[in-house]
Amino acid sequence: MRIFTTPMCEGILRIAGVMGYHVTRKPEDEDADILFVLSETPVAGAVKLKLNTFTQIREAIGTVFRAVQEVDPGSLRYSSADEIDFEVCSPWWHDPAGLREINSKIKVRVYSDFLREIVEDMGFTIVDLNEDFTVCPDYMELDCIRVPSHRNLPVDPVKRALFRYMYLERKLCTKL
């Protein structure tokens, strides 16, 4: 069984308990039985993972586990997804409902799809006018809160999400 992943998705395979996979920076060149890539990667036949939010990370862990279990259960450390014992030390992983309710009072204008997903997951109200704050990725030259993009963060998806959530919390929760 040839299981391949890109560096940005490797952390999800580790969490899901996949053993014996290969990491590639050129997924389109690999002859893989299963290939895991970020959702925006244009590779046909790959399992595409969204990893911007903690909700998406949770779903991706299950997607990876089920995909590998379907074709080669022997490549998994766990016999069922219920055995995966993974926790993130963040209230956004454990019980975000109360935080979302508090954040809903803060109006945010967002300039990018990946940030929109994070800001929505954190419960902020997204608006086009009369915003309390404006956020954009760090590669945009706008006068607003510039959030680090993929190239300026850890490759590990959980560490990347933790950084972004904590960063946005510090920057946007000043209205409370």
C-alpha atoms as a PDB file:
ATOM      1  CA  MET A   1       0.000   0.000   0.000  1.00  0.00           C
ATOM      2  CA  ARG A   2       1.445   3.333  -1.082  1.00  0.00           C
ATOM      3  CA  ILE A   3       0.089   6.129   1.115  1.00  0.00           C
ATOM      4  CA  PHE A   4       1.350   9.635   0.381  1.00  0.00           C
ATOM      5  CA  THR A   5       0.690  13.011   1.956  1.00  0.00           C
ATOM      6  CA  THR A   6       1.931  16.539   1.608  1.00  0.00           C
ATOM      7  CA  PRO A   7       3.865  18.123   4.491  1.00  0.00           C
ATOM      8  CA  MET A   8       0.881  20.321   5.413  1.00  0.00           C
ATOM      9  CA  CYS A   9      -1.334  17.251   5.982  1.00  0.00           C
ATOM     10  CA  GLU A  10       1.224  14.947   7.620  1.00  0.00           C
ATOM     11  CA  GLY A  11       0.201  15.870  11.167  1.00  0.00           C
ATOM     12  CA  ILE A  12      -3.334  14.623  10.527  1.00  0.00           C
ATOM     13  CA  LEU A  13      -2.037  11.228   9.369  1.00  0.00           C
ATOM     14  CA  ARG A  14       0.071  10.971  12.542  1.00  0.00           C
ATOM     15  CA  ILE A  15      -2.929  11.767  14.744  1.00  0.00           C
ATOM     16  CA  ALA A  16      -5.144   9.281  12.857  1.00  0.00           C
ATOM     17  CA  GLY A  17      -2.539   6.583  13.473  1.00  0.00           C
ATOM     18  CA  VAL A  18      -1.473   5.977   9.877  1.00  0.00           C
ATOM     19  CA  MET A  19       1.788   4.033   9.667  1.00  0.00           C
ATOM     20  CA  GLY A  20       4.131   3.672   6.714  1.00  0.00           C
ATOM     21  CA  TYR A  21       3.164   6.740   4.716  1.00  0.00           C
ATOM     22  CA  HIS A  22       5.456   8.901   2.573  1.00  0.00           C
ATOM     23  CA  VAL A  23       5.660  12.694   2.520  1.00  0.00           C
ATOM     24  CA  THR A  24       5.952  14.438  -0.838  1.00  0.00           C
ATOM     25  CA  ARG A  25       6.148  18.040  -1.963  1.00  0.00           C
ATOM     26  CA  LYS A  26       5.038  17.024  -5.461  1.00  0.00           C
ATOM     27  CA  PRO A  27       1.860  14.964  -4.964  1.00  0.00           C
ATOM     28  CA  GLU A  28       0.998  15.111  -8.660  1.00  0.00           C
ATOM     29  CA  ASP A  29       4.155  13.076  -9.426  1.00  0.00           C
ATOM     30  CA  GLU A  30       3.371  10.174  -7.058  1.00  0.00           C
ATOM     31  CA  ASP A  31       1.827   6.823  -7.944  1.00  0.00           C
ATOM     32  CA  ALA A  32      -0.156   6.544  -4.722  1.00  0.00           C
ATOM     33  CA  ASP A  33      -2.901   4.168  -3.653  1.00  0.00           C
ATOM     34  CA  ILE A  34      -4.110   6.947  -1.337  1.00  0.00           C
ATOM     35  CA  LEU A  35      -2.947  10.548  -1.484  1.00  0.00           C
ATOM     36  CA  PHE A  36      -3.858  13.200   1.107  1.00  0.00           C
ATOM     37  CA  VAL A  37      -3.566  16.886   0.177  1.00  0.00           C
ATOM     38  CA  LEU A  38      -4.953  20.235   1.268  1.00  0.00           C
ATOM     39  CA  SER A  39      -8.368  20.963  -0.208  1.00  0.00           C
ATOM     40  CA  GLU A  40      -7.066  23.666  -2.515  1.00  0.00           C
ATOM     41  CA  THR A  41      -4.384  21.416  -4.066  1.00  0.00           C
ATOM     42  CA  PRO A  42      -5.300  20.673  -7.708  1.00  0.00           C
ATOM     43  CA  VAL A  43      -4.563  16.930  -7.806  1.00  0.00           C
ATOM     44  CA  ALA A  44      -7.172  14.579  -9.247  1.00  0.00           C
ATOM     45  CA  GLY A  45      -8.089  11.508  -7.216  1.00  0.00           C
ATOM     46  CA  ALA A  46      -6.583  12.769  -3.967  1.00  0.00           C
ATOM     47  CA  VAL A  47      -8.396  12.865  -0.634  1.00  0.00           C
ATOM     48  CA  LYS A  48      -8.654  16.587   0.041  1.00  0.00           C
ATOM     49  CA  LEU A  49      -8.503  17.882   3.600  1.00  0.00           C
ATOM     50  CA  LYS A  50      -9.567  21.262   4.942  1.00  0.00           C
ATOM     51  CA  LEU A  51      -7.398  22.167   7.937  1.00  0.00           C
ATOM     52  CA  ASN A  52      -8.125  25.810   8.754  1.00  0.00           C
ATOM     53  CA  THR A  53     -10.389  25.332  11.773  1.00  0.00           C
ATOM     54  CA  PHE A  54     -10.477  22.950  14.709  1.00  0.00           C
ATOM     55  CA  THR A  55     -13.805  21.652  13.397  1.00  0.00           C
ATOM     56  CA  GLN A  56     -12.180  20.888  10.042  1.00  0.00           C
ATOM     57  CA  ILE A  57      -9.176  19.250  11.731  1.00  0.00           C
ATOM     58  CA  ARG A  58     -11.479  16.952  13.707  1.00  0.00           C
ATOM     59  CA  GLU A  59     -13.336  16.009  10.523  1.00  0.00           C
ATOM     60  CA  ALA A  60     -10.049  15.468   8.639  1.00  0.00           C
ATOM     61  CA  ILE A  61      -8.789  13.031  11.289  1.00  0.00           C
ATOM     62  CA  GLY A  62     -11.928  10.942  10.767  1.00  0.00           C
ATOM     63  CA  THR A  63     -11.699  11.218   6.979  1.00  0.00           C
ATOM     64  CA  VAL A  64      -8.088  10.012   6.963  1.00  0.00           C
ATOM     65  CA  PHE A  65      -8.840   7.148   9.354  1.00  0.00           C
ATOM     66  CA  ARG A  66     -11.847   5.945   7.317  1.00  0.00           C
ATOM     67  CA  ALA A  67     -10.053   6.254   3.967  1.00  0.00           C
ATOM     68  CA  VAL A  68      -7.078   4.182   5.121  1.00  0.00           C
ATOM     69  CA  GLN A  69      -9.250   1.686   7.009  1.00  0.00           C
ATOM     70  CA  GLU A  70     -11.270   1.055   3.854  1.00  0.00           C
ATOM     71  CA  VAL A  71      -8.279   0.014   1.748  1.00  0.00           C
ATOM     72  CA  ASP A  72      -5.615  -1.157   4.224  1.00  0.00           C
ATOM     73  CA  PRO A  73      -6.608  -1.445   7.914  1.00  0.00           C
ATOM     74  CA  GLY A  74      -3.164  -2.927   8.639  1.00  0.00           C
ATOM     75  CA  SER A  75      -1.653   0.516   8.008  1.00  0.00           C
ATOM     76  CA  LEU A  76      -3.447   1.917  11.056  1.00  0.00           C
ATOM     77  CA  ARG A  77      -2.269   1.955  14.645  1.00  0.00           C
ATOM     78  CA  TYR A  78      -5.902   1.860  15.840  1.00  0.00           C
ATOM     79  CA  SER A  79      -8.643  -0.626  15.064  1.00  0.00           C
ATOM     80  CA  SER A  80     -11.389   1.993  15.379  1.00  0.00           C
ATOM     81  CA  ALA A  81     -11.634   5.769  15.255  1.00  0.00           C
ATOM     82  CA  ASP A  82     -12.861   5.719  18.872  1.00  0.00           C
ATOM     83  CA  GLU A  83      -9.379   4.628  19.972  1.00  0.00           C
ATOM     84  CA  ILE A  84      -7.765   7.817  18.660  1.00  0.00           C
ATOM     85  CA  ASP A  85      -6.761   9.668  21.801  1.00  0.00           C
ATOM     86  CA  PHE A  86      -5.949  13.198  20.742  1.00  0.00           C
ATOM     87  CA  GLU A  87      -6.633  16.413  22.600  1.00  0.00           C
ATOM     88  CA  VAL A  88      -5.605  19.993  21.981  1.00  0.00           C
ATOM     89  CA  CYS A  89      -5.002  22.218  24.967  1.00  0.00           C
ATOM     90  CA  SER A  90      -7.428  24.887  23.834  1.00  0.00           C
ATOM     91  CA  PRO A  91     -10.998  25.775  24.737  1.00  0.00           C
ATOM     92  CA  TRP A  92     -11.653  25.971  20.995  1.00  0.00           C
ATOM     93  CA  TRP A  93     -11.043  22.206  20.784  1.00  0.00           C
ATOM     94  CA  HIS A  94     -12.984  21.153  23.881  1.00  0.00           C
ATOM     95  CA  ASP A  95     -16.033  23.365  24.333  1.00  0.00           C
ATOM     96  CA  PRO A  96     -16.198  26.444  22.123  1.00  0.00           C
ATOM     97  CA  ALA A  97     -19.944  27.150  22.517  1.00  0.00           C
ATOM     98  CA  GLY A  98     -19.588  29.749  25.279  1.00  0.00           C
ATOM     99  CA  LEU A  99     -16.701  31.459  23.525  1.00  0.00           C
ATOM    100  CA  ARG A 100     -18.684  31.661  20.289  1.00  0.00           C
ATOM    101  CA  GLU A 101     -21.579  33.289  22.102  1.00  0.00           C
ATOM    102  CA  ILE A 102     -19.312  35.967  23.594  1.00  0.00           C
ATOM    103  CA  ASN A 103     -17.558  36.563  20.265  1.00  0.00           C
ATOM    104  CA  SER A 104     -20.835  36.957  18.381  1.00  0.00           C
ATOM    105  CA  LYS A 105     -21.009  40.543  19.681  1.00  0.00           C
ATOM    106  CA  ILE A 106     -17.866  41.481  17.746  1.00  0.00           C
ATOM    107  CA  LYS A 107     -18.264  42.424  14.063  1.00  0.00           C
ATOM    108  CA  VAL A 108     -15.400  41.465  11.764  1.00  0.00           C
ATOM    109  CA  ARG A 109     -14.756  42.189   8.109  1.00  0.00           C
ATOM    110  CA  VAL A 110     -12.681  39.421   6.519  1.00  0.00           C
ATOM    111  CA  TYR A 111     -10.519  39.391   3.393  1.00  0.00           C
ATOM    112  CA  SER A 112      -9.881  35.722   2.539  1.00  0.00           C
ATOM    113  CA  ASP A 113     -11.684  32.417   2.525  1.00  0.00           C
ATOM    114  CA  PHE A 114      -9.403  30.637   5.005  1.00  0.00           C
ATOM    115  CA  LEU A 115      -9.725  33.478   7.517  1.00  0.00           C
ATOM    116  CA  ARG A 116     -13.489  33.625   7.008  1.00  0.00           C
ATOM    117  CA  GLU A 117     -13.692  29.948   8.007  1.00  0.00           C
ATOM    118  CA  ILE A 118     -11.658  30.565  11.168  1.00  0.00           C
ATOM    119  CA  VAL A 119     -13.500  33.744  12.137  1.00  0.00           C
ATOM    120  CA  GLU A 120     -16.865  31.980  11.615  1.00  0.00           C
ATOM    121  CA  ASP A 121     -15.716  28.966  13.640  1.00  0.00           C
ATOM    122  CA  MET A 122     -14.715  31.302  16.465  1.00  0.00           C
ATOM    123  CA  GLY A 123     -18.238  32.762  16.432  1.00  0.00           C
ATOM    124  CA  PHE A 124     -17.470  36.328  15.393  1.00  0.00           C
ATOM    125  CA  THR A 125     -20.114  38.087  13.312  1.00  0.00           C
ATOM    126  CA  ILE A 126     -18.886  38.633   9.768  1.00  0.00           C
ATOM    127  CA  VAL A 127     -19.961  41.909   8.181  1.00  0.00           C
ATOM    128  CA  ASP A 128     -19.212  44.014   5.107  1.00  0.00           C
ATOM    129  CA  LEU A 129     -19.840  47.384   6.785  1.00  0.00           C
ATOM    130  CA  ASN A 130     -19.606  48.926  10.244  1.00  0.00           C
ATOM    131  CA  GLU A 131     -17.038  46.412  11.438  1.00  0.00           C
ATOM    132  CA  ASP A 132     -15.242  46.560  14.761  1.00  0.00           C
ATOM    133  CA  PHE A 133     -12.159  44.969  13.173  1.00  0.00           C
ATOM    134  CA  THR A 134     -10.871  44.005   9.745  1.00  0.00           C
ATOM    135  CA  VAL A 135      -8.625  40.983   9.178  1.00  0.00           C
ATOM    136  CA  CYS A 136      -6.658  39.853   6.153  1.00  0.00           C
ATOM    137  CA  PRO A 137      -3.855  37.394   5.399  1.00  0.00           C
ATOM    138  CA  ASP A 138      -0.329  38.708   5.877  1.00  0.00           C
ATOM    139  CA  TYR A 139       0.336  38.637   2.136  1.00  0.00           C
ATOM    140  CA  MET A 140      -2.233  41.394   1.530  1.00  0.00           C
ATOM    141  CA  GLU A 141      -1.032  44.980   1.842  1.00  0.00           C
ATOM    142  CA  LEU A 142      -4.043  46.330   3.722  1.00  0.00           C
ATOM    143  CA  ASP A 143      -4.224  48.457   6.830  1.00  0.00           C
ATOM    144  CA  CYS A 144      -5.860  45.884   9.108  1.00  0.00           C
ATOM    145  CA  ILE A 145      -5.072  42.982  11.404  1.00  0.00           C
ATOM    146  CA  ARG A 146      -2.786  40.835   9.245  1.00  0.00           C
ATOM    147  CA  VAL A 147      -2.969  37.149  10.139  1.00  0.00           C
ATOM    148  CA  PRO A 148      -0.044  34.866   9.257  1.00  0.00           C
ATOM    149  CA  SER A 149      -0.683  32.679   6.220  1.00  0.00           C
ATOM    150  CA  HIS A 150       0.592  29.156   5.553  1.00  0.00           C
ATOM    151  CA  ARG A 151       4.108  30.167   4.649  1.00  0.00           C
ATOM    152  CA  ASN A 152       4.712  31.999   7.932  1.00  0.00           C
ATOM    153  CA  LEU A 153       3.443  29.324  10.334  1.00  0.00           C
ATOM    154  CA  PRO A 154       4.341  25.804  11.471  1.00  0.00           C
ATOM    155  CA  VAL A 155       3.674  23.052   8.957  1.00  0.00           C
ATOM    156  CA  ASP A 156       1.796  21.030  11.598  1.00  0.00           C
ATOM    157  CA  PRO A 157      -1.927  21.784  11.117  1.00  0.00           C
ATOM    158  CA  VAL A 158      -2.793  21.725  14.826  1.00  0.00           C
ATOM    159  CA  LYS A 159       0.025  24.101  15.794  1.00  0.00           C
ATOM    160  CA  ARG A 160      -0.961  26.330  12.872  1.00  0.00           C
ATOM    161  CA  ALA A 161      -4.609  26.437  13.997  1.00  0.00           C
ATOM    162  CA  LEU A 162      -3.619  27.045  17.632  1.00  0.00           C
ATOM    163  CA  PHE A 163      -1.455  29.989  16.638  1.00  0.00           C
ATOM    164  CA  ARG A 164      -4.171  31.556  14.481  1.00  0.00           C
ATOM    165  CA  TYR A 165      -6.934  31.113  17.063  1.00  0.00           C
ATOM    166  CA  MET A 166      -4.777  32.572  19.845  1.00  0.00           C
ATOM    167  CA  TYR A 167      -3.644  35.421  17.598  1.00  0.00           C
ATOM    168  CA  LEU A 168      -7.202  36.319  16.589  1.00  0.00           C
ATOM    169  CA  GLU A 169      -8.372  36.001  20.181  1.00  0.00           C
ATOM    170  CA  ARG A 170      -5.735  38.512  21.323  1.00  0.00           C
ATOM    171  CA  LYS A 171      -6.470  40.929  18.494  1.00  0.00           C
ATOM    172  CA  LEU A 172     -10.271  40.724  18.262  1.00  0.00           C
ATOM    173  CA  CYS A 173     -11.435  40.173  21.822  1.00  0.00           C
ATOM    174  CA  THR A 174     -10.361  43.643  22.952  1.00  0.00           C
ATOM    175  CA  LYS A 175     -13.960  44.890  22.582  1.00  0.00           C
ATOM    176  CA  LEU A 176     -15.210  42.805  25.520  1.00  0.00           C
END
